[in-house]
Amino acid sequence: MQKWIWLDEKRYPMEQETFCTLFSKHQNIRYCCAEFRKSYHFSRKIFKLNIKVSADAKYLLYINGEFVGQGPVCHGGDYGFDGTMPYCYYNTYELKTATEKLDFYALVPLIPTVQSETSWGHGGFALEAELFFEDATKTKISVDEDWESRINRQRYAV
């Protein structure tokens, strides 16, 4: 995954950094979830999407109001680990559809919330998708600065 996005540092300066694991010495980290949204409209129907998605430390992904999945896959690790992992996993999804419109929504908590989650110390969300159209053409989309982002302190991602 080449492109990662996060909340605007100027608007949300206190919601940029996090701790690596629940076993870290964490102070002055405020819990929040970031919400990311983007809508796409095409002049032809999409019949399939291949999606790669990841986040630091977790995401819940919805497309067109339907739950797609949660991740990324847990890295595992030793109990009580207090460091960063040398890699980050992503999940893949293949979805069948018959629509010209895609509405993406992702809820991404800033901090690790269970023992199996780890962070690199900074919030992040990544998504790439290859779209296959009924007319046999295809295109790729990915997160960029045009995705809407905001804080939601009322939500708790499971």
C-alpha atoms as a PDB file:
ATOM      1  CA  MET A   1       0.000   0.000   0.000  1.00  0.00           C
ATOM      2  CA  GLN A   2       1.608   3.181  -1.129  1.00  0.00           C
ATOM      3  CA  LYS A   3      -0.713   5.954   0.059  1.00  0.00           C
ATOM      4  CA  TRP A   4      -1.751   6.566   3.678  1.00  0.00           C
ATOM      5  CA  ILE A   5      -3.916   9.404   4.966  1.00  0.00           C
ATOM      6  CA  TRP A   6      -4.832  10.728   8.392  1.00  0.00           C
ATOM      7  CA  LEU A   7      -6.608  13.647  10.026  1.00  0.00           C
ATOM      8  CA  ASP A   8      -5.436  17.130   9.063  1.00  0.00           C
ATOM      9  CA  GLU A   9      -2.590  18.018  11.407  1.00  0.00           C
ATOM     10  CA  LYS A  10      -3.573  21.708  11.477  1.00  0.00           C
ATOM     11  CA  ARG A  11      -7.195  21.014  12.466  1.00  0.00           C
ATOM     12  CA  TYR A  12      -6.428  18.098  14.797  1.00  0.00           C
ATOM     13  CA  PRO A  13      -2.916  18.573  16.217  1.00  0.00           C
ATOM     14  CA  MET A  14      -3.637  16.543  19.387  1.00  0.00           C
ATOM     15  CA  GLU A  15      -4.941  13.516  17.448  1.00  0.00           C
ATOM     16  CA  GLN A  16      -1.840  12.615  15.466  1.00  0.00           C
ATOM     17  CA  GLU A  17       0.255  10.429  17.755  1.00  0.00           C
ATOM     18  CA  THR A  18      -0.579   7.316  19.722  1.00  0.00           C
ATOM     19  CA  PHE A  19       1.122   4.604  21.734  1.00  0.00           C
ATOM     20  CA  CYS A  20       2.337   1.335  20.206  1.00  0.00           C
ATOM     21  CA  THR A  21       0.468  -1.201  22.365  1.00  0.00           C
ATOM     22  CA  LEU A  22      -1.720  -1.322  25.453  1.00  0.00           C
ATOM     23  CA  PHE A  23       1.468  -2.192  27.346  1.00  0.00           C
ATOM     24  CA  SER A  24       3.134   1.117  26.420  1.00  0.00           C
ATOM     25  CA  LYS A  25       3.479   3.930  28.898  1.00  0.00           C
ATOM     26  CA  HIS A  26       0.736   6.086  27.453  1.00  0.00           C
ATOM     27  CA  GLN A  27       0.106   9.566  28.728  1.00  0.00           C
ATOM     28  CA  ASN A  28      -1.762  12.512  27.272  1.00  0.00           C
ATOM     29  CA  ILE A  29      -3.237  10.434  24.442  1.00  0.00           C
ATOM     30  CA  ARG A  30      -6.876  11.284  23.848  1.00  0.00           C
ATOM     31  CA  TYR A  31      -9.153   8.610  22.448  1.00  0.00           C
ATOM     32  CA  CYS A  32     -10.881   9.406  19.177  1.00  0.00           C
ATOM     33  CA  CYS A  33     -12.017   7.757  16.005  1.00  0.00           C
ATOM     34  CA  ALA A  34     -11.281   9.217  12.606  1.00  0.00           C
ATOM     35  CA  GLU A  35     -13.987   8.979   9.972  1.00  0.00           C
ATOM     36  CA  PHE A  36     -13.042   8.911   6.295  1.00  0.00           C
ATOM     37  CA  ARG A  37     -15.562   9.304   3.456  1.00  0.00           C
ATOM     38  CA  LYS A  38     -15.409   9.485  -0.306  1.00  0.00           C
ATOM     39  CA  SER A  39     -18.055   9.072  -3.006  1.00  0.00           C
ATOM     40  CA  TYR A  40     -17.371   8.129  -6.601  1.00  0.00           C
ATOM     41  CA  HIS A  41     -19.811   8.325  -9.530  1.00  0.00           C
ATOM     42  CA  PHE A  42     -19.084   6.691 -12.866  1.00  0.00           C
ATOM     43  CA  SER A  43     -20.876   6.805 -16.215  1.00  0.00           C
ATOM     44  CA  ARG A  44     -20.908   2.995 -16.464  1.00  0.00           C
ATOM     45  CA  LYS A  45     -21.720   0.147 -14.123  1.00  0.00           C
ATOM     46  CA  ILE A  46     -19.120  -1.526 -11.935  1.00  0.00           C
ATOM     47  CA  PHE A  47     -19.497  -5.293 -11.679  1.00  0.00           C
ATOM     48  CA  LYS A  48     -16.527  -6.111  -9.400  1.00  0.00           C
ATOM     49  CA  LEU A  49     -14.126  -4.409  -6.982  1.00  0.00           C
ATOM     50  CA  ASN A  50     -10.839  -5.755  -5.645  1.00  0.00           C
ATOM     51  CA  ILE A  51      -9.969  -3.808  -2.503  1.00  0.00           C
ATOM     52  CA  LYS A  52      -6.831  -3.653  -0.332  1.00  0.00           C
ATOM     53  CA  VAL A  53      -7.271  -1.821   2.962  1.00  0.00           C
ATOM     54  CA  SER A  54      -5.314  -1.259   6.160  1.00  0.00           C
ATOM     55  CA  ALA A  55      -5.154   1.089   9.121  1.00  0.00           C
ATOM     56  CA  ASP A  56      -3.147   1.924  12.167  1.00  0.00           C
ATOM     57  CA  ALA A  57      -4.401   0.298  14.408  1.00  0.00           C
ATOM     58  CA  LYS A  58      -7.880  -0.851  13.224  1.00  0.00           C
ATOM     59  CA  TYR A  59     -10.642  -0.017  10.717  1.00  0.00           C
ATOM     60  CA  LEU A  60     -14.287  -0.774  10.047  1.00  0.00           C
ATOM     61  CA  LEU A  61     -15.084  -0.410   6.327  1.00  0.00           C
ATOM     62  CA  TYR A  62     -18.500   0.221   4.742  1.00  0.00           C
ATOM     63  CA  ILE A  63     -19.328   0.628   1.058  1.00  0.00           C
ATOM     64  CA  ASN A  64     -22.717   1.958  -0.041  1.00  0.00           C
ATOM     65  CA  GLY A  65     -23.901   1.631   3.549  1.00  0.00           C
ATOM     66  CA  GLU A  66     -23.058  -2.087   3.767  1.00  0.00           C
ATOM     67  CA  PHE A  67     -20.454  -3.463   6.159  1.00  0.00           C
ATOM     68  CA  VAL A  68     -17.489  -4.883   4.212  1.00  0.00           C
ATOM     69  CA  GLY A  69     -15.009  -5.827   6.911  1.00  0.00           C
ATOM     70  CA  GLN A  70     -12.769  -5.026   9.825  1.00  0.00           C
ATOM     71  CA  GLY A  71      -9.048  -5.301  10.146  1.00  0.00           C
ATOM     72  CA  PRO A  72      -6.198  -5.312   9.573  1.00  0.00           C
ATOM     73  CA  VAL A  73      -5.280  -8.873  10.366  1.00  0.00           C
ATOM     74  CA  CYS A  74      -3.598  -9.133  13.764  1.00  0.00           C
ATOM     75  CA  HIS A  75       0.196  -9.476  13.565  1.00  0.00           C
ATOM     76  CA  GLY A  76       0.417 -11.578  16.665  1.00  0.00           C
ATOM     77  CA  GLY A  77       3.450 -11.090  18.835  1.00  0.00           C
ATOM     78  CA  ASP A  78       4.591 -11.769  22.340  1.00  0.00           C
ATOM     79  CA  TYR A  79       2.439 -10.979  25.368  1.00  0.00           C
ATOM     80  CA  GLY A  80       3.310  -7.613  26.803  1.00  0.00           C
ATOM     81  CA  PHE A  81       5.178  -6.450  23.696  1.00  0.00           C
ATOM     82  CA  ASP A  82       5.852  -2.694  23.811  1.00  0.00           C
ATOM     83  CA  GLY A  83       7.257  -1.779  20.432  1.00  0.00           C
ATOM     84  CA  THR A  84       6.372  -1.353  16.788  1.00  0.00           C
ATOM     85  CA  MET A  85       6.095  -4.211  14.343  1.00  0.00           C
ATOM     86  CA  PRO A  86       8.444  -4.120  11.317  1.00  0.00           C
ATOM     87  CA  TYR A  87       5.504  -4.551   8.907  1.00  0.00           C
ATOM     88  CA  CYS A  88       1.805  -3.825   8.533  1.00  0.00           C
ATOM     89  CA  TYR A  89      -0.789  -6.212   7.139  1.00  0.00           C
ATOM     90  CA  TYR A  90      -3.681  -5.304   4.876  1.00  0.00           C
ATOM     91  CA  ASN A  91      -6.908  -7.119   4.086  1.00  0.00           C
ATOM     92  CA  THR A  92      -8.269  -7.840   0.626  1.00  0.00           C
ATOM     93  CA  TYR A  93     -11.893  -8.035  -0.438  1.00  0.00           C
ATOM     94  CA  GLU A  94     -13.496  -8.957  -3.740  1.00  0.00           C
ATOM     95  CA  LEU A  95     -16.998  -7.555  -4.053  1.00  0.00           C
ATOM     96  CA  LYS A  96     -19.575  -8.139  -6.761  1.00  0.00           C
ATOM     97  CA  THR A  97     -21.899  -5.236  -7.508  1.00  0.00           C
ATOM     98  CA  ALA A  98     -24.002  -3.629 -10.220  1.00  0.00           C
ATOM     99  CA  THR A  99     -23.789   0.070  -9.529  1.00  0.00           C
ATOM    100  CA  GLU A 100     -22.369   3.303 -10.910  1.00  0.00           C
ATOM    101  CA  LYS A 101     -21.863   4.814  -7.462  1.00  0.00           C
ATOM    102  CA  LEU A 102     -19.507   3.921  -4.620  1.00  0.00           C
ATOM    103  CA  ASP A 103     -19.745   5.528  -1.182  1.00  0.00           C
ATOM    104  CA  PHE A 104     -16.805   4.597   1.029  1.00  0.00           C
ATOM    105  CA  TYR A 105     -16.906   5.108   4.800  1.00  0.00           C
ATOM    106  CA  ALA A 106     -14.220   3.995   7.252  1.00  0.00           C
ATOM    107  CA  LEU A 107     -14.121   4.345  11.013  1.00  0.00           C
ATOM    108  CA  VAL A 108     -10.544   4.229  12.333  1.00  0.00           C
ATOM    109  CA  PRO A 109      -9.675   4.496  16.053  1.00  0.00           C
ATOM    110  CA  LEU A 110      -6.485   6.377  16.866  1.00  0.00           C
ATOM    111  CA  ILE A 111      -5.292   4.031  19.591  1.00  0.00           C
ATOM    112  CA  PRO A 112      -4.880   0.269  20.030  1.00  0.00           C
ATOM    113  CA  THR A 113      -7.866  -0.933  22.061  1.00  0.00           C
ATOM    114  CA  VAL A 114      -7.077  -4.630  22.651  1.00  0.00           C
ATOM    115  CA  GLN A 115      -3.873  -6.549  23.442  1.00  0.00           C
ATOM    116  CA  SER A 116      -3.455  -7.926  19.922  1.00  0.00           C
ATOM    117  CA  GLU A 117      -3.436  -4.497  18.225  1.00  0.00           C
ATOM    118  CA  THR A 118      -0.283  -2.526  17.570  1.00  0.00           C
ATOM    119  CA  SER A 119       0.418   0.922  16.191  1.00  0.00           C
ATOM    120  CA  TRP A 120       3.365   2.639  14.603  1.00  0.00           C
ATOM    121  CA  GLY A 121       2.704   5.643  16.834  1.00  0.00           C
ATOM    122  CA  HIS A 122       0.749   7.714  14.296  1.00  0.00           C
ATOM    123  CA  GLY A 123      -2.776   7.280  12.992  1.00  0.00           C
ATOM    124  CA  GLY A 124      -3.199   6.130   9.400  1.00  0.00           C
ATOM    125  CA  PHE A 125      -5.643   4.715   6.861  1.00  0.00           C
ATOM    126  CA  ALA A 126      -4.898   3.193   3.446  1.00  0.00           C
ATOM    127  CA  LEU A 127      -7.202   1.892   0.723  1.00  0.00           C
ATOM    128  CA  GLU A 128      -6.651   0.935  -2.901  1.00  0.00           C
ATOM    129  CA  ALA A 129      -9.291  -0.538  -5.181  1.00  0.00           C
ATOM    130  CA  GLU A 130      -9.351  -1.860  -8.720  1.00  0.00           C
ATOM    131  CA  LEU A 131     -12.768  -1.416 -10.333  1.00  0.00           C
ATOM    132  CA  PHE A 132     -13.963  -3.625 -13.191  1.00  0.00           C
ATOM    133  CA  PHE A 133     -16.756  -2.217 -15.362  1.00  0.00           C
ATOM    134  CA  GLU A 134     -19.389  -4.041 -17.414  1.00  0.00           C
ATOM    135  CA  ASP A 135     -17.889  -2.609 -20.614  1.00  0.00           C
ATOM    136  CA  ALA A 136     -14.633  -4.554 -19.917  1.00  0.00           C
ATOM    137  CA  THR A 137     -12.681  -1.457 -18.824  1.00  0.00           C
ATOM    138  CA  LYS A 138     -11.101  -1.020 -15.427  1.00  0.00           C
ATOM    139  CA  THR A 139      -9.622   1.710 -13.257  1.00  0.00           C
ATOM    140  CA  LYS A 140      -7.872   2.114  -9.929  1.00  0.00           C
ATOM    141  CA  ILE A 141      -8.723   4.423  -7.055  1.00  0.00           C
ATOM    142  CA  SER A 142      -7.007   5.069  -3.731  1.00  0.00           C
ATOM    143  CA  VAL A 143      -7.147   7.348  -0.731  1.00  0.00           C
ATOM    144  CA  ASP A 144      -5.877  10.874  -1.221  1.00  0.00           C
ATOM    145  CA  GLU A 145      -6.239  14.359   0.263  1.00  0.00           C
ATOM    146  CA  ASP A 146      -9.735  14.674  -1.278  1.00  0.00           C
ATOM    147  CA  TRP A 147     -11.186  12.103   1.112  1.00  0.00           C
ATOM    148  CA  GLU A 148     -13.258  13.815   3.808  1.00  0.00           C
ATOM    149  CA  SER A 149     -11.912  13.291   7.308  1.00  0.00           C
ATOM    150  CA  ARG A 150     -13.138  14.278  10.734  1.00  0.00           C
ATOM    151  CA  ILE A 151     -13.034  13.244  14.376  1.00  0.00           C
ATOM    152  CA  ASN A 152     -15.786  11.342  16.078  1.00  0.00           C
ATOM    153  CA  ARG A 153     -15.291  11.071  19.844  1.00  0.00           C
ATOM    154  CA  GLN A 154     -18.682   9.421  20.354  1.00  0.00           C
ATOM    155  CA  ARG A 155     -17.946   6.205  18.462  1.00  0.00           C
ATOM    156  CA  TYR A 156     -16.027   3.220  19.664  1.00  0.00           C
ATOM    157  CA  ALA A 157     -14.763   0.789  17.052  1.00  0.00           C
ATOM    158  CA  VAL A 158     -15.058  -2.833  18.102  1.00  0.00           C
END
